[in-house]
Protein backbone atom coordinates (compact mmCIF):
# COMPACT_ATOMS: atom_id res chain seq x y z
CA MET A 1 -129.08 31.15 41.69
CA THR A 2 -131.20 29.83 44.83
CA THR A 3 -132.81 26.07 44.08
CA SER A 4 -135.84 27.49 44.98
CA GLU A 5 -135.65 29.62 42.22
CA ALA A 6 -134.37 27.58 39.47
CA VAL A 7 -136.88 24.56 40.83
CA ASP A 8 -139.56 27.19 40.38
CA ALA A 9 -138.37 28.50 37.03
CA MET A 10 -138.59 24.66 35.59
CA VAL A 11 -141.74 23.92 37.12
CA LYS A 12 -143.39 27.13 35.35
CA VAL A 13 -141.98 25.51 32.11
CA MET A 14 -142.93 21.87 32.80
CA ALA A 15 -146.20 22.03 34.41
CA PRO A 16 -148.26 22.45 31.44
CA TYR A 17 -146.93 19.28 29.58
CA ILE A 18 -146.47 16.93 33.20
CA GLY A 19 -148.41 18.81 35.51
CA ASP A 20 -147.11 20.77 38.57
CA THR A 21 -146.84 18.07 41.21
CA MET A 22 -144.92 15.83 39.00
CA ALA A 23 -142.78 18.59 37.61
CA ARG A 24 -142.11 19.88 41.23
CA SER A 25 -141.36 16.13 42.05
CA ALA A 26 -138.97 15.07 39.49
CA ILE A 27 -137.26 17.98 39.72
CA GLU A 28 -136.77 18.14 43.45
CA ALA A 29 -135.77 14.11 43.41
CA HIS A 30 -133.17 15.28 40.83
CA CYS A 31 -131.94 17.71 42.65
CA GLN A 32 -131.35 15.62 45.66
CA LYS A 33 -129.84 12.71 43.66
CA LEU A 34 -126.89 15.30 42.02
CA GLY A 35 -126.79 16.69 45.65
CA ILE A 36 -128.02 20.24 44.57
CA ALA A 37 -128.42 21.81 47.85
CA ALA A 38 -128.99 25.90 48.54
CA THR A 39 -127.56 27.18 45.41
CA VAL A 40 -127.40 25.57 41.63
CA SER A 41 -124.01 26.31 39.80
CA ARG A 42 -124.19 26.46 36.02
CA ASP A 43 -123.03 23.11 35.47
CA GLN A 44 -125.54 21.78 38.13
CA ALA A 45 -127.93 23.12 36.47
CA GLU A 46 -126.81 21.63 33.15
CA ALA A 47 -126.78 18.32 34.57
CA LEU A 48 -130.11 18.62 36.00
CA LEU A 49 -131.54 19.63 32.49
CA ALA A 50 -130.03 16.94 31.40
CA LYS A 51 -131.65 14.45 33.59
CA LEU A 52 -135.21 16.09 32.92
CA GLY A 53 -134.92 15.78 29.33
CA GLY A 54 -134.42 11.98 29.80
CA GLY A 55 -137.48 11.63 32.10
CA LEU A 56 -139.08 13.96 29.32
CA ASN A 57 -138.78 11.96 26.46
CA ILE A 58 -140.96 9.12 27.48
CA PHE A 59 -143.56 11.66 27.99
CA LEU A 60 -143.20 13.99 25.26
CA GLY A 61 -141.10 12.18 22.67
CA ARG A 62 -137.62 13.33 21.80
CA ASP A 63 -138.46 16.62 19.48
CA LYS A 64 -141.24 18.14 22.56
CA SER A 65 -138.68 17.31 24.87
CA ALA A 66 -135.72 18.82 23.52
CA SER A 67 -137.99 21.98 23.16
CA VAL A 68 -139.32 22.23 26.96
CA ILE A 69 -135.79 21.52 28.01
CA ALA A 70 -134.48 24.48 25.83
CA GLU A 71 -137.43 26.49 27.25
CA ALA A 72 -136.28 25.54 30.54
CA ARG A 73 -132.75 26.37 30.15
CA SER A 74 -134.10 30.44 28.81
CA ALA A 75 -136.21 30.57 31.77
CA LEU A 76 -132.91 29.80 34.16
CA ALA A 77 -130.80 31.92 32.14
CA GLY A 78 -133.33 34.64 32.62
CA LEU A 79 -132.76 34.25 36.51
CA GLU A 80 -128.86 34.26 35.98
CA ALA A 81 -129.79 37.78 34.10
CA ARG A 82 -131.70 39.27 36.60
CA ARG A 83 -128.75 38.92 39.21
């Protein structure tokens, strides 16, 4: 899947909890740190979700963070299934 598609899908999941701007900024920053460029592999997506989950723990707590990350993982799986 393209990075743009993945970012948009994750922002849609995270925005209700931390806002659109914060979600997009965090996701894009972690993409840069992880060296994710034009496309996202399954392994890169998992690494990205792990990083995002750690940050969400601070804002949402562990249980809600795990729920949001599971929802984002499902959204990404949906993108892959459409291909």
